[in-house]
C-alpha atoms as a PDB file:
ATOM      1  CA  MET A   1       4.347   9.574 -19.019  1.00  0.00           C
ATOM      2  CA  ASN A   2       5.268   6.443 -16.756  1.00  0.00           C
ATOM      3  CA  ASP A   3       5.911   3.074 -18.584  1.00  0.00           C
ATOM      4  CA  VAL A   4       3.049   1.739 -16.986  1.00  0.00           C
ATOM      5  CA  PHE A   5       0.812   3.760 -18.929  1.00  0.00           C
ATOM      6  CA  GLY A   6       1.652   2.264 -22.037  1.00  0.00           C
ATOM      7  CA  ILE A   7      -0.445  -0.633 -21.067  1.00  0.00           C
ATOM      8  CA  SER A   8      -3.921  -0.931 -22.062  1.00  0.00           C
ATOM      9  CA  SER A   9      -6.938  -0.920 -19.603  1.00  0.00           C
ATOM     10  CA  LYS A  10      -6.469  -4.863 -19.641  1.00  0.00           C
ATOM     11  CA  GLY A  11      -3.449  -4.353 -17.872  1.00  0.00           C
ATOM     12  CA  ASN A  12      -1.131  -5.569 -20.601  1.00  0.00           C
ATOM     13  CA  GLY A  13       2.224  -5.250 -20.092  1.00  0.00           C
ATOM     14  CA  LEU A  14       2.887  -5.233 -16.625  1.00  0.00           C
ATOM     15  CA  PRO A  15       5.442  -7.628 -15.013  1.00  0.00           C
ATOM     16  CA  THR A  16       4.324 -10.864 -13.697  1.00  0.00           C
ATOM     17  CA  PRO A  17       4.500 -10.729  -9.751  1.00  0.00           C
ATOM     18  CA  SER A  18       6.623 -13.313  -7.990  1.00  0.00           C
ATOM     19  CA  PHE A  19       5.913 -12.452  -4.701  1.00  0.00           C
ATOM     20  CA  ASN A  20       8.839 -14.621  -3.504  1.00  0.00           C
ATOM     21  CA  ARG A  21      11.701 -12.289  -2.146  1.00  0.00           C
ATOM     22  CA  GLU A  22      12.410 -11.282   1.360  1.00  0.00           C
ATOM     23  CA  LEU A  23      13.332  -7.431   2.015  1.00  0.00           C
ATOM     24  CA  THR A  24      16.954  -7.529   2.647  1.00  0.00           C
ATOM     25  CA  ASP A  25      18.870  -4.261   3.131  1.00  0.00           C
ATOM     26  CA  SER A  26      20.280  -4.338  -0.735  1.00  0.00           C
ATOM     27  CA  VAL A  27      16.497  -4.943  -1.923  1.00  0.00           C
ATOM     28  CA  LYS A  28      15.520  -2.089   0.349  1.00  0.00           C
ATOM     29  CA  LYS A  29      17.898   0.334  -1.089  1.00  0.00           C
ATOM     30  CA  GLU A  30      17.196  -1.239  -4.802  1.00  0.00           C
ATOM     31  CA  LEU A  31      13.431  -0.160  -4.452  1.00  0.00           C
ATOM     32  CA  ALA A  32      14.285   3.230  -2.609  1.00  0.00           C
ATOM     33  CA  ASP A  33      16.558   3.957  -5.824  1.00  0.00           C
ATOM     34  CA  ALA A  34      13.969   3.244  -8.208  1.00  0.00           C
ATOM     35  CA  PHE A  35      11.513   5.288  -6.415  1.00  0.00           C
ATOM     36  CA  ILE A  36      13.550   8.299  -6.555  1.00  0.00           C
ATOM     37  CA  ASN A  37      14.670   7.682 -10.414  1.00  0.00           C
ATOM     38  CA  SER A  38      10.767   7.430 -10.904  1.00  0.00           C
ATOM     39  CA  VAL A  39      10.128  10.700  -9.199  1.00  0.00           C
ATOM     40  CA  GLY A  40      12.956  12.362 -11.292  1.00  0.00           C
ATOM     41  CA  LYS A  41      11.389  10.926 -14.354  1.00  0.00           C
ATOM     42  CA  CYS A  42       7.994  12.119 -13.558  1.00  0.00           C
ATOM     43  CA  MET A  43       9.642  15.528 -13.091  1.00  0.00           C
ATOM     44  CA  HIS A  44      11.979  15.804 -15.943  1.00  0.00           C
ATOM     45  CA  GLY A  45      11.825  18.867 -17.798  1.00  0.00           C
ATOM     46  CA  VAL A  46       9.273  20.391 -16.189  1.00  0.00           C
ATOM     47  CA  ASP A  47       9.408  23.662 -14.330  1.00  0.00           C
ATOM     48  CA  ARG A  48       6.307  23.673 -11.991  1.00  0.00           C
ATOM     49  CA  ILE A  49       5.164  20.463 -10.428  1.00  0.00           C
ATOM     50  CA  GLY A  50       1.968  19.896  -8.637  1.00  0.00           C
ATOM     51  CA  ILE A  51       1.424  17.103  -5.945  1.00  0.00           C
ATOM     52  CA  MET A  52      -1.662  15.919  -4.388  1.00  0.00           C
ATOM     53  CA  PHE A  53      -0.760  16.261  -0.576  1.00  0.00           C
ATOM     54  CA  SER A  54      -2.841  14.636   2.082  1.00  0.00           C
ATOM     55  CA  ALA A  55       0.391  14.185   4.358  1.00  0.00           C
ATOM     56  CA  GLY A  56      -0.022  10.527   4.373  1.00  0.00           C
ATOM     57  CA  ILE A  57       3.203   8.404   4.000  1.00  0.00           C
ATOM     58  CA  ASP A  58       2.394   8.149  -0.103  1.00  0.00           C
ATOM     59  CA  SER A  59       2.098  11.926  -0.887  1.00  0.00           C
ATOM     60  CA  ALA A  60       4.839  12.864   1.927  1.00  0.00           C
ATOM     61  CA  LEU A  61       7.331  10.512   0.437  1.00  0.00           C
ATOM     62  CA  ILE A  62       6.459  11.964  -3.100  1.00  0.00           C
ATOM     63  CA  ALA A  63       6.989  15.546  -1.806  1.00  0.00           C
ATOM     64  CA  TYR A  64      10.154  14.558   0.284  1.00  0.00           C
ATOM     65  CA  THR A  65      11.752  13.130  -2.866  1.00  0.00           C
ATOM     66  CA  ALA A  66      10.789  15.603  -5.290  1.00  0.00           C
ATOM     67  CA  LYS A  67      12.739  18.345  -3.156  1.00  0.00           C
ATOM     68  CA  ARG A  68      15.966  16.549  -4.858  1.00  0.00           C
ATOM     69  CA  PHE A  69      15.115  17.955  -7.974  1.00  0.00           C
ATOM     70  CA  LYS A  70      15.049  21.259  -9.435  1.00  0.00           C
ATOM     71  CA  SER A  71      11.021  22.241 -10.245  1.00  0.00           C
ATOM     72  CA  LYS A  72       9.230  24.442  -8.207  1.00  0.00           C
ATOM     73  CA  LEU A  73       6.552  22.457  -6.197  1.00  0.00           C
ATOM     74  CA  PHE A  74       3.063  23.327  -5.434  1.00  0.00           C
ATOM     75  CA  LEU A  75       1.485  20.812  -2.691  1.00  0.00           C
ATOM     76  CA  TYR A  76      -2.674  20.800  -3.033  1.00  0.00           C
ATOM     77  CA  SER A  77      -4.385  19.630   0.034  1.00  0.00           C
ATOM     78  CA  VAL A  78      -8.399  19.431  -0.029  1.00  0.00           C
ATOM     79  CA  GLY A  79     -10.593  19.077   3.027  1.00  0.00           C
ATOM     80  CA  THR A  80     -13.156  20.479   5.364  1.00  0.00           C
ATOM     81  CA  GLU A  81     -11.905  23.205   7.884  1.00  0.00           C
ATOM     82  CA  ILE A  82     -12.104  20.231  10.585  1.00  0.00           C
ATOM     83  CA  SER A  83     -11.024  17.416   8.686  1.00  0.00           C
ATOM     84  CA  GLU A  84      -8.141  15.080   9.945  1.00  0.00           C
ATOM     85  CA  ASP A  85      -6.094  15.730   6.816  1.00  0.00           C
ATOM     86  CA  MET A  86      -6.283  19.714   7.234  1.00  0.00           C
ATOM     87  CA  ARG A  87      -4.810  19.180  10.939  1.00  0.00           C
ATOM     88  CA  TYR A  88      -1.793  17.546   9.452  1.00  0.00           C
ATOM     89  CA  VAL A  89      -0.930  19.147   6.212  1.00  0.00           C
ATOM     90  CA  GLU A  90       0.859  22.186   7.407  1.00  0.00           C
ATOM     91  CA  LYS A  91       2.501  20.499  10.080  1.00  0.00           C
ATOM     92  CA  PHE A  92       4.228  18.035   7.676  1.00  0.00           C
ATOM     93  CA  ALA A  93       4.417  20.298   4.707  1.00  0.00           C
ATOM     94  CA  GLY A  94       6.352  22.289   7.371  1.00  0.00           C
ATOM     95  CA  LYS A  95       8.601  19.640   8.473  1.00  0.00           C
ATOM     96  CA  LEU A  96       9.491  18.959   4.606  1.00  0.00           C
ATOM     97  CA  GLY A  97      10.293  22.643   4.126  1.00  0.00           C
ATOM     98  CA  LEU A  98       7.523  23.096   1.824  1.00  0.00           C
ATOM     99  CA  ASN A  99       4.265  24.936   1.631  1.00  0.00           C
ATOM    100  CA  SER A 100       0.690  23.321   0.848  1.00  0.00           C
ATOM    101  CA  LYS A 101      -2.136  24.977  -0.593  1.00  0.00           C
ATOM    102  CA  LYS A 102      -5.124  24.174   1.695  1.00  0.00           C
ATOM    103  CA  ILE A 103      -8.324  24.185  -0.272  1.00  0.00           C
ATOM    104  CA  ILE A 104     -11.268  24.115   2.320  1.00  0.00           C
ATOM    105  CA  ILE A 105     -14.459  23.017   1.106  1.00  0.00           C
ATOM    106  CA  GLY A 106     -17.809  22.876   2.563  1.00  0.00           C
ATOM    107  CA  GLU A 107     -21.254  21.162   2.012  1.00  0.00           C
ATOM    108  CA  LYS A 108     -22.296  23.593  -0.944  1.00  0.00           C
ATOM    109  CA  ASP A 109     -18.739  23.162  -2.547  1.00  0.00           C
ATOM    110  CA  VAL A 110     -18.738  19.512  -2.254  1.00  0.00           C
ATOM    111  CA  ILE A 111     -22.335  19.386  -3.959  1.00  0.00           C
ATOM    112  CA  ASP A 112     -21.499  21.737  -6.778  1.00  0.00           C
ATOM    113  CA  TYR A 113     -18.238  19.548  -7.318  1.00  0.00           C
ATOM    114  CA  TYR A 114     -20.076  16.564  -7.210  1.00  0.00           C
ATOM    115  CA  ARG A 115     -22.585  17.577  -9.937  1.00  0.00           C
ATOM    116  CA  LYS A 116     -19.870  19.072 -12.130  1.00  0.00           C
ATOM    117  CA  VAL A 117     -17.870  15.571 -11.901  1.00  0.00           C
ATOM    118  CA  GLN A 118     -20.882  13.840 -12.532  1.00  0.00           C
ATOM    119  CA  SER A 119     -21.729  15.562 -15.642  1.00  0.00           C
ATOM    120  CA  LEU A 120     -18.147  15.473 -17.005  1.00  0.00           C
ATOM    121  CA  LEU A 121     -18.127  11.567 -16.398  1.00  0.00           C
ATOM    122  CA  GLU A 122     -21.461  11.006 -17.429  1.00  0.00           C
ATOM    123  CA  GLU A 123     -21.585   8.424 -14.450  1.00  0.00           C
ATOM    124  CA  ASP A 124     -24.065   7.775 -11.657  1.00  0.00           C
ATOM    125  CA  ASN A 125     -21.595   5.573  -9.748  1.00  0.00           C
ATOM    126  CA  PHE A 126     -21.277   7.267  -6.228  1.00  0.00           C
ATOM    127  CA  MET A 127     -17.877   5.912  -5.498  1.00  0.00           C
ATOM    128  CA  LYS A 128     -16.113   6.875  -8.831  1.00  0.00           C
ATOM    129  CA  ILE A 129     -17.455  10.458  -8.843  1.00  0.00           C
ATOM    130  CA  GLU A 130     -16.446  10.852  -5.125  1.00  0.00           C
ATOM    131  CA  LEU A 131     -13.075   9.751  -5.999  1.00  0.00           C
ATOM    132  CA  ALA A 132     -12.660  12.135  -8.773  1.00  0.00           C
ATOM    133  CA  ILE A 133     -13.634  15.296  -6.914  1.00  0.00           C
ATOM    134  CA  PRO A 134     -10.273  16.098  -5.210  1.00  0.00           C
ATOM    135  CA  VAL A 135      -8.744  15.490  -8.426  1.00  0.00           C
ATOM    136  CA  PHE A 136     -10.789  17.979 -10.301  1.00  0.00           C
ATOM    137  CA  ILE A 137     -10.240  20.381  -7.426  1.00  0.00           C
ATOM    138  CA  CYS A 138      -6.671  20.088  -7.301  1.00  0.00           C
ATOM    139  CA  SER A 139      -6.193  20.223 -10.928  1.00  0.00           C
ATOM    140  CA  LEU A 140      -8.507  23.389 -11.168  1.00  0.00           C
ATOM    141  CA  HIS A 141      -6.231  24.918  -8.658  1.00  0.00           C
ATOM    142  CA  ALA A 142      -3.155  23.732 -10.475  1.00  0.00           C
ATOM    143  CA  HIS A 143      -4.340  25.138 -13.604  1.00  0.00           C
ATOM    144  CA  GLU A 144      -4.955  28.446 -12.126  1.00  0.00           C
ATOM    145  CA  ASP A 145      -1.167  28.388 -10.947  1.00  0.00           C
ATOM    146  CA  GLY A 146       0.225  27.492 -14.346  1.00  0.00           C
ATOM    147  CA  VAL A 147       1.031  24.086 -13.182  1.00  0.00           C
ATOM    148  CA  GLU A 148       0.464  21.339 -15.982  1.00  0.00           C
ATOM    149  CA  VAL A 149       1.627  18.327 -14.333  1.00  0.00           C
ATOM    150  CA  ILE A 150       0.418  16.733 -11.023  1.00  0.00           C
ATOM    151  CA  LEU A 151       2.205  13.725  -9.037  1.00  0.00           C
ATOM    152  CA  THR A 152      -0.455  11.543  -7.218  1.00  0.00           C
ATOM    153  CA  GLY A 153       0.436   8.416  -4.611  1.00  0.00           C
ATOM    154  CA  SER A 154      -1.773   6.189  -7.016  1.00  0.00           C
ATOM    155  CA  GLY A 155      -0.776   2.601  -6.780  1.00  0.00           C
ATOM    156  CA  ALA A 156       0.807   2.827  -3.370  1.00  0.00           C
ATOM    157  CA  GLU A 157      -2.180   0.964  -1.574  1.00  0.00           C
ATOM    158  CA  GLU A 158      -2.121  -1.948  -4.365  1.00  0.00           C
ATOM    159  CA  LEU A 159       1.809  -2.400  -4.098  1.00  0.00           C
ATOM    160  CA  PHE A 160       2.057  -2.296  -0.398  1.00  0.00           C
ATOM    161  CA  ALA A 161      -1.097  -3.790   0.896  1.00  0.00           C
ATOM    162  CA  GLY A 162      -2.586  -0.358   2.225  1.00  0.00           C
ATOM    163  CA  TYR A 163      -6.192  -1.047   2.459  1.00  0.00           C
ATOM    164  CA  ASN A 164      -8.186  -2.602   5.204  1.00  0.00           C
ATOM    165  CA  ARG A 165      -9.366  -5.252   3.076  1.00  0.00           C
ATOM    166  CA  HIS A 166      -5.674  -6.438   2.449  1.00  0.00           C
ATOM    167  CA  LEU A 167      -5.235  -6.612   6.361  1.00  0.00           C
ATOM    168  CA  GLN A 168      -8.618  -8.522   6.737  1.00  0.00           C
ATOM    169  CA  CYS A 169      -7.492 -11.010   3.589  1.00  0.00           C
ATOM    170  CA  PHE A 170      -4.269 -11.521   5.526  1.00  0.00           C
ATOM    171  CA  LEU A 171      -5.787 -12.419   8.852  1.00  0.00           C
ATOM    172  CA  SER A 172      -8.132 -14.618   7.438  1.00  0.00           C
ATOM    173  CA  GLY A 173      -5.760 -16.578   5.473  1.00  0.00           C
ATOM    174  CA  GLY A 174      -7.197 -15.398   2.153  1.00  0.00           C
ATOM    175  CA  ASP A 175      -5.261 -15.272  -1.202  1.00  0.00           C
ATOM    176  CA  LEU A 176      -3.655 -11.911  -0.682  1.00  0.00           C
ATOM    177  CA  ARG A 177      -1.412 -12.318  -3.822  1.00  0.00           C
ATOM    178  CA  LYS A 178      -4.183 -13.056  -6.030  1.00  0.00           C
ATOM    179  CA  MET A 179      -6.159  -9.823  -4.481  1.00  0.00           C
ATOM    180  CA  LEU A 180      -3.168  -7.448  -5.046  1.00  0.00           C
ATOM    181  CA  SER A 181      -2.279  -8.880  -8.626  1.00  0.00           C
ATOM    182  CA  ASP A 182      -5.917  -8.498  -9.518  1.00  0.00           C
ATOM    183  CA  GLU A 183      -6.394  -5.050  -8.060  1.00  0.00           C
ATOM    184  CA  LEU A 184      -2.835  -3.679  -9.932  1.00  0.00           C
ATOM    185  CA  ARG A 185      -4.093  -5.006 -13.127  1.00  0.00           C
ATOM    186  CA  GLY A 186      -7.820  -3.145 -12.873  1.00  0.00           C
ATOM    187  CA  LEU A 187      -6.275  -0.088 -11.492  1.00  0.00           C
ATOM    188  CA  TYR A 188      -6.222   1.981 -14.954  1.00  0.00           C
ATOM    189  CA  SER A 189      -9.705   1.115 -15.813  1.00  0.00           C
ATOM    190  CA  LYS A 190     -11.295   1.214 -12.404  1.00  0.00           C
ATOM    191  CA  ASP A 191      -9.567   4.552 -10.973  1.00  0.00           C
ATOM    192  CA  LEU A 192      -7.137   6.137 -13.172  1.00  0.00           C
ATOM    193  CA  LYS A 193      -8.822   6.525 -16.640  1.00  0.00           C
ATOM    194  CA  ASN A 194     -11.540   8.662 -14.984  1.00  0.00           C
ATOM    195  CA  ALA A 195      -8.912  10.600 -12.663  1.00  0.00           C
ATOM    196  CA  GLU A 196      -6.713  11.414 -15.860  1.00  0.00           C
ATOM    197  CA  PHE A 197      -9.878  12.664 -17.829  1.00  0.00           C
ATOM    198  CA  ILE A 198     -10.980  14.904 -14.985  1.00  0.00           C
ATOM    199  CA  ALA A 199      -7.380  16.350 -14.799  1.00  0.00           C
ATOM    200  CA  SER A 200      -7.299  16.933 -18.526  1.00  0.00           C
ATOM    201  CA  VAL A 201     -10.530  19.122 -18.391  1.00  0.00           C
ATOM    202  CA  ASN A 202      -8.478  21.342 -16.306  1.00  0.00           C
ATOM    203  CA  HIS A 203      -5.394  20.822 -18.897  1.00  0.00           C
ATOM    204  CA  CYS A 204      -3.519  19.044 -16.364  1.00  0.00           C
ATOM    205  CA  GLU A 205      -1.681  15.297 -16.764  1.00  0.00           C
ATOM    206  CA  LEU A 206      -1.475  13.126 -13.836  1.00  0.00           C
ATOM    207  CA  ARG A 207       1.873  11.363 -13.266  1.00  0.00           C
ATOM    208  CA  TYR A 208       2.209   8.203 -10.588  1.00  0.00           C
ATOM    209  CA  PRO A 209       5.726   7.570  -9.313  1.00  0.00           C
ATOM    210  CA  PHE A 210       4.636   4.481  -7.728  1.00  0.00           C
ATOM    211  CA  LEU A 211       3.639   2.942 -10.881  1.00  0.00           C
ATOM    212  CA  ASP A 212       7.005   3.127 -12.744  1.00  0.00           C
ATOM    213  CA  MET A 213       7.810  -0.285 -14.287  1.00  0.00           C
ATOM    214  CA  ARG A 214      10.759  -0.750 -12.232  1.00  0.00           C
ATOM    215  CA  VAL A 215       8.953   0.203  -9.162  1.00  0.00           C
ATOM    216  CA  ILE A 216       6.369  -2.165  -9.647  1.00  0.00           C
ATOM    217  CA  GLU A 217       8.736  -5.021 -10.699  1.00  0.00           C
ATOM    218  CA  LEU A 218      10.388  -4.476  -7.401  1.00  0.00           C
ATOM    219  CA  ALA A 219       7.386  -4.340  -5.137  1.00  0.00           C
ATOM    220  CA  THR A 220       5.666  -6.961  -6.672  1.00  0.00           C
ATOM    221  CA  SER A 221       8.648  -9.382  -6.305  1.00  0.00           C
ATOM    222  CA  LEU A 222       8.699  -9.173  -2.557  1.00  0.00           C
ATOM    223  CA  LYS A 223       6.311 -11.250  -0.436  1.00  0.00           C
ATOM    224  CA  PRO A 224       3.206  -9.096   0.081  1.00  0.00           C
ATOM    225  CA  GLU A 225       2.645 -10.372   3.648  1.00  0.00           C
ATOM    226  CA  LEU A 226       5.557  -8.644   4.595  1.00  0.00           C
ATOM    227  CA  ASN A 227       3.571  -5.332   4.652  1.00  0.00           C
ATOM    228  CA  LEU A 228       1.248  -6.657   7.068  1.00  0.00           C
ATOM    229  CA  SER A 229       1.083  -7.738  10.677  1.00  0.00           C
ATOM    230  CA  LYS A 230      -1.302  -9.330  13.019  1.00  0.00           C
ATOM    231  CA  GLN A 231      -1.190  -6.481  15.244  1.00  0.00           C
ATOM    232  CA  GLY A 232      -2.999  -4.491  12.114  1.00  0.00           C
ATOM    233  CA  GLU A 233       0.054  -2.659  10.574  1.00  0.00           C
ATOM    234  CA  LYS A 234       0.033  -2.320   6.763  1.00  0.00           C
ATOM    235  CA  LYS A 235       2.494  -0.927   4.180  1.00  0.00           C
ATOM    236  CA  ARG A 236       5.509  -2.109   6.299  1.00  0.00           C
ATOM    237  CA  ILE A 237       7.618  -2.453   3.302  1.00  0.00           C
ATOM    238  CA  LEU A 238       6.844   1.300   1.864  1.00  0.00           C
ATOM    239  CA  LYS A 239       7.509   2.370   5.643  1.00  0.00           C
ATOM    240  CA  ALA A 240      11.149   0.790   5.446  1.00  0.00           C
ATOM    241  CA  VAL A 241      11.712   2.318   2.080  1.00  0.00           C
ATOM    242  CA  SER A 242      10.505   5.727   3.102  1.00  0.00           C
ATOM    243  CA  ARG A 243      13.000   5.534   5.999  1.00  0.00           C
ATOM    244  CA  GLU A 244      15.854   4.429   3.439  1.00  0.00           C
ATOM    245  CA  ILE A 245      14.870   7.627   1.604  1.00  0.00           C
ATOM    246  CA  GLY A 246      14.800   9.716   4.857  1.00  0.00           C
ATOM    247  CA  LEU A 247      11.399  10.576   5.398  1.00  0.00           C
ATOM    248  CA  PRO A 248      10.616  12.140   8.751  1.00  0.00           C
ATOM    249  CA  GLU A 249       9.543   9.302  11.144  1.00  0.00           C
ATOM    250  CA  ASP A 250       6.081  10.814  12.346  1.00  0.00           C
ATOM    251  CA  ALA A 251       5.229  11.195   8.449  1.00  0.00           C
ATOM    252  CA  VAL A 252       6.103   7.448   8.312  1.00  0.00           C
ATOM    253  CA  GLU A 253       3.863   6.429  10.920  1.00  0.00           C
ATOM    254  CA  ARG A 254       0.978   8.502  10.852  1.00  0.00           C
ATOM    255  CA  PRO A 255      -2.265   6.838  10.608  1.00  0.00           C
ATOM    256  CA  LYS A 256      -4.176   7.723   7.180  1.00  0.00           C
ATOM    257  CA  LYS A 257      -7.255   7.230   6.019  1.00  0.00           C
ATOM    258  CA  ALA A 258      -8.278   7.100   2.391  1.00  0.00           C
ATOM    259  CA  MET A 259      -8.551  10.641   0.847  1.00  0.00           C
ATOM    260  CA  GLN A 260     -12.367  10.811   0.938  1.00  0.00           C
ATOM    261  CA  TYR A 261     -12.457  10.083   4.338  1.00  0.00           C
ATOM    262  CA  GLY A 262      -9.362  11.759   5.750  1.00  0.00           C
ATOM    263  CA  SER A 263     -10.728  15.056   3.877  1.00  0.00           C
ATOM    264  CA  GLY A 264     -14.007  15.143   5.466  1.00  0.00           C
ATOM    265  CA  MET A 265     -15.730  14.739   1.847  1.00  0.00           C
ATOM    266  CA  HIS A 266     -17.424  11.619   2.305  1.00  0.00           C
ATOM    267  CA  LYS A 267     -19.395  12.628   5.410  1.00  0.00           C
ATOM    268  CA  LEU A 268     -20.669  15.661   3.304  1.00  0.00           C
ATOM    269  CA  LEU A 269     -21.551  13.650   0.445  1.00  0.00           C
ATOM    270  CA  ILE A 270     -23.422  11.162   2.639  1.00  0.00           C
ATOM    271  CA  ARG A 271     -25.208  14.088   4.276  1.00  0.00           C
ATOM    272  CA  ALA A 272     -26.222  15.533   0.912  1.00  0.00           C
ATOM    273  CA  ARG A 273     -27.243  12.494  -0.428  1.00  0.00           C
ATOM    274  CA  ARG A 274     -29.834  11.835   2.503  1.00  0.00           C
ATOM    275  CA  LYS A 275     -31.092  15.236   1.803  1.00  0.00           C
ATOM    276  CA  SER A 276     -31.610  14.030  -1.688  1.00  0.00           C
ATOM    277  CA  LEU A 277     -29.529  17.142  -2.800  1.00  0.00           C
ATOM    278  CA  ILE A 278     -27.315  14.691  -4.942  1.00  0.00           C
ATOM    279  CA  LYS A 279     -28.117  11.080  -6.456  1.00  0.00           C
END
């Protein structure tokens, strides 16, 4: 759907990052408008839209922005009963005036899903399988709800320096610009190709508001160091854009782990692997 996925797994067609602009008020508004427009394009002509919702800034901003449009929204949240994400999704979904479908998983569920996804991908890479499991679960439930299009926050980390490795690179004086550029160009082959295949098994299509060409062009025109602080803050540009769009402040500032950690799934999988229940 998004222009970016006319590119190949080699990343051909992506705009060349300039990484040289400051975040002025006009640029911030331009980026906010581009994101809103991207969400609208992702939803155009679709009556029922799913959103993978972990209550982090990425998924919260997608859900908040999606309310502007006429489609019926279905928020899907996956995690263990006591996981950090499950403690927040109901609160933040309520703040956004939406309902989130909480999909509670236990050890047996995770093992079954792991084996299923491993078989589908014909893949033994633990991390790739782990990342694909939430997509499988959400798309399975979406299909049951008659939802065929799911929005995800993929690309936000690479555009707005959201990973700890980005912060460590920044703090150590490494080449953050090369790191981000390389990760963005490798995103499809590394993560999205598998995710799209897994969603398609459940007759769903993934769409990516952060990966619209105009959003990428604007985000990568900005100095990436502006996303980070020596105090450990990440995604500062995205936070500023989220405030411009109107996202509630506690959703903007909520500390968020990657989905596999925040959902509690990673701990269950590690435990299962130690028991030799999965490979």
